[in-house]
Structures are given as C-alpha cells and as structure tokens.
C-alpha cells in the first residue's frame, strides 16, 4: 500500500467539534477617549493600522489615537505593554496582516 492509498486524517488542535457559543459584547453608541492601535508585528500590519487611524481621525476628530507594537507576533504581548494599553486606552484595535 502506498502513502497515496492511505486515508487522510486532519487533526484540529482546537478540538471544536462542538463550537462554544459566545455572545457579542454590547457595542457603545459613541466612541470617546483614546483608541489604542496595536500592531502585532506581522508584515503590513502597520499599513492596515495607518488606514484605520486615518478613518478614525476623519470620522471621529475628538478621539485620540495611541499606537503600540508588540515585539514579535510569535508570543503574547508582554505584561508591561498590556498594562500600558489598559491604563492609557478606552478601546483597542489589533492588526493582524500578512
């Protein structure tokens, strides 16, 4: 029997055979304060966030924008960075791009 004749098995590490039901968080009617834009260090994430920043600035001129960047996309954001974002922002948008 050759490898081509063997059945294919696809393993999903998340094991979501029965997806978890989640409810959406209620969205605010108005965005005020500071919006943090977090670049996770993937290629072109900064280009995406440049466009998001421009849209927010044009549509919500009273909202302050603060930019952040993870040192690497391969690991969670460092504790210090998460604390800084928590202390400085009311909302966060995270960019994932390639």
Protein backbone atom coordinates (compact mmCIF):
# COMPACT_ATOMS: atom_id res chain seq x y z
CA UNK A 1 0.00 0.00 0.00
CA UNK A 2 1.47 3.38 -0.99
CA UNK A 3 1.06 6.64 1.02
CA UNK A 4 -1.43 7.90 -1.60
CA UNK A 5 -3.72 4.97 -0.79
CA UNK A 6 -3.91 5.75 2.94
CA UNK A 7 -6.91 7.74 4.25
CA UNK A 8 -6.28 11.36 5.10
CA UNK A 9 -6.84 12.42 8.68
CA UNK A 10 -6.90 16.11 9.53
CA UNK A 11 -6.28 16.97 13.16
CA UNK A 12 -7.62 20.22 14.58
CA UNK A 13 -5.67 21.23 17.69
CA UNK A 14 -8.58 23.36 18.90
CA UNK A 15 -10.94 20.37 19.02
CA UNK A 16 -14.01 22.45 18.25
CA UNK A 17 -16.25 19.61 17.15
CA UNK A 18 -18.89 21.31 19.24
CA UNK A 19 -18.22 25.05 18.88
CA UNK A 20 -18.57 27.14 22.01
CA UNK A 21 -21.49 29.54 21.82
CA UNK A 22 -20.44 33.09 22.54
CA UNK A 23 -22.46 36.27 22.84
CA UNK A 24 -21.21 39.54 21.47
CA UNK A 25 -20.31 42.32 23.83
CA UNK A 26 -22.69 45.25 23.60
CA UNK A 27 -21.20 47.91 21.36
CA UNK A 28 -21.08 51.52 22.59
CA UNK A 29 -23.20 54.08 20.77
CA UNK A 30 -20.30 56.55 20.69
CA UNK A 31 -16.55 56.12 20.93
CA UNK A 32 -14.83 58.66 23.17
CA UNK A 33 -11.44 58.91 24.80
CA UNK A 34 -8.41 57.09 23.44
CA UNK A 35 -8.32 54.27 20.91
CA UNK A 36 -5.20 52.11 21.02
CA UNK A 37 -3.98 50.61 17.75
CA UNK A 38 -1.89 47.52 18.44
CA UNK A 39 0.43 46.29 15.70
CA UNK A 40 1.30 42.66 16.44
CA UNK A 41 4.44 42.88 14.24
CA UNK A 42 3.13 40.88 11.31
CA UNK A 43 4.14 42.18 7.87
CA UNK A 44 1.93 45.02 6.63
CA UNK A 45 0.00 45.31 9.89
CA UNK A 46 1.24 48.88 10.15
CA UNK A 47 -0.23 49.64 6.70
CA UNK A 48 -3.62 48.39 7.85
CA UNK A 49 -3.43 50.45 11.05
CA UNK A 50 -2.42 53.55 9.07
CA UNK A 51 -5.72 53.26 7.21
CA UNK A 52 -7.69 52.57 10.41
CA UNK A 53 -6.10 55.62 12.04
CA UNK A 54 -6.99 57.80 9.06
CA UNK A 55 -10.63 56.59 9.08
CA UNK A 56 -11.00 57.17 12.82
CA UNK A 57 -9.37 60.60 12.64
CA UNK A 58 -11.64 61.67 9.77
CA UNK A 59 -14.86 60.34 11.29
CA UNK A 60 -14.19 60.96 14.99
CA UNK A 61 -11.93 64.02 15.34
CA UNK A 62 -12.37 64.14 19.14
CA UNK A 63 -10.96 60.63 19.62
CA UNK A 64 -7.27 60.39 20.48
CA UNK A 65 -5.21 57.66 18.77
CA UNK A 66 -2.34 55.91 20.52
CA UNK A 67 -0.14 53.41 18.62
CA UNK A 68 1.53 50.35 20.14
CA UNK A 69 3.61 47.49 18.77
CA UNK A 70 4.33 44.02 20.08
CA UNK A 71 8.00 42.96 19.89
CA UNK A 72 7.02 39.78 18.00
CA UNK A 73 3.86 38.19 16.67
CA UNK A 74 5.01 34.77 17.87
CA UNK A 75 4.34 35.49 21.55
CA UNK A 76 1.62 37.24 23.54
CA UNK A 77 2.14 40.93 24.26
CA UNK A 78 4.44 41.47 27.23
CA UNK A 79 2.73 42.16 30.53
CA UNK A 80 4.11 45.70 30.68
CA UNK A 81 2.69 46.54 27.25
CA UNK A 82 -0.73 45.14 28.15
CA UNK A 83 -0.76 47.18 31.37
CA UNK A 84 0.24 50.33 29.47
CA UNK A 85 -2.57 49.84 26.95
CA UNK A 86 -5.07 49.13 29.74
CA UNK A 87 -4.06 52.31 31.57
CA UNK A 88 -3.98 54.57 28.51
CA UNK A 89 -6.88 53.40 26.30
CA UNK A 90 -10.65 53.09 26.32
CA UNK A 91 -10.72 50.85 23.21
CA UNK A 92 -8.16 48.74 21.33
CA UNK A 93 -7.96 47.62 17.72
CA UNK A 94 -5.43 44.90 16.99
CA UNK A 95 -3.96 44.46 13.50
CA UNK A 96 -3.29 41.07 12.01
CA UNK A 97 -1.93 41.13 8.47
CA UNK A 98 0.43 39.39 6.08
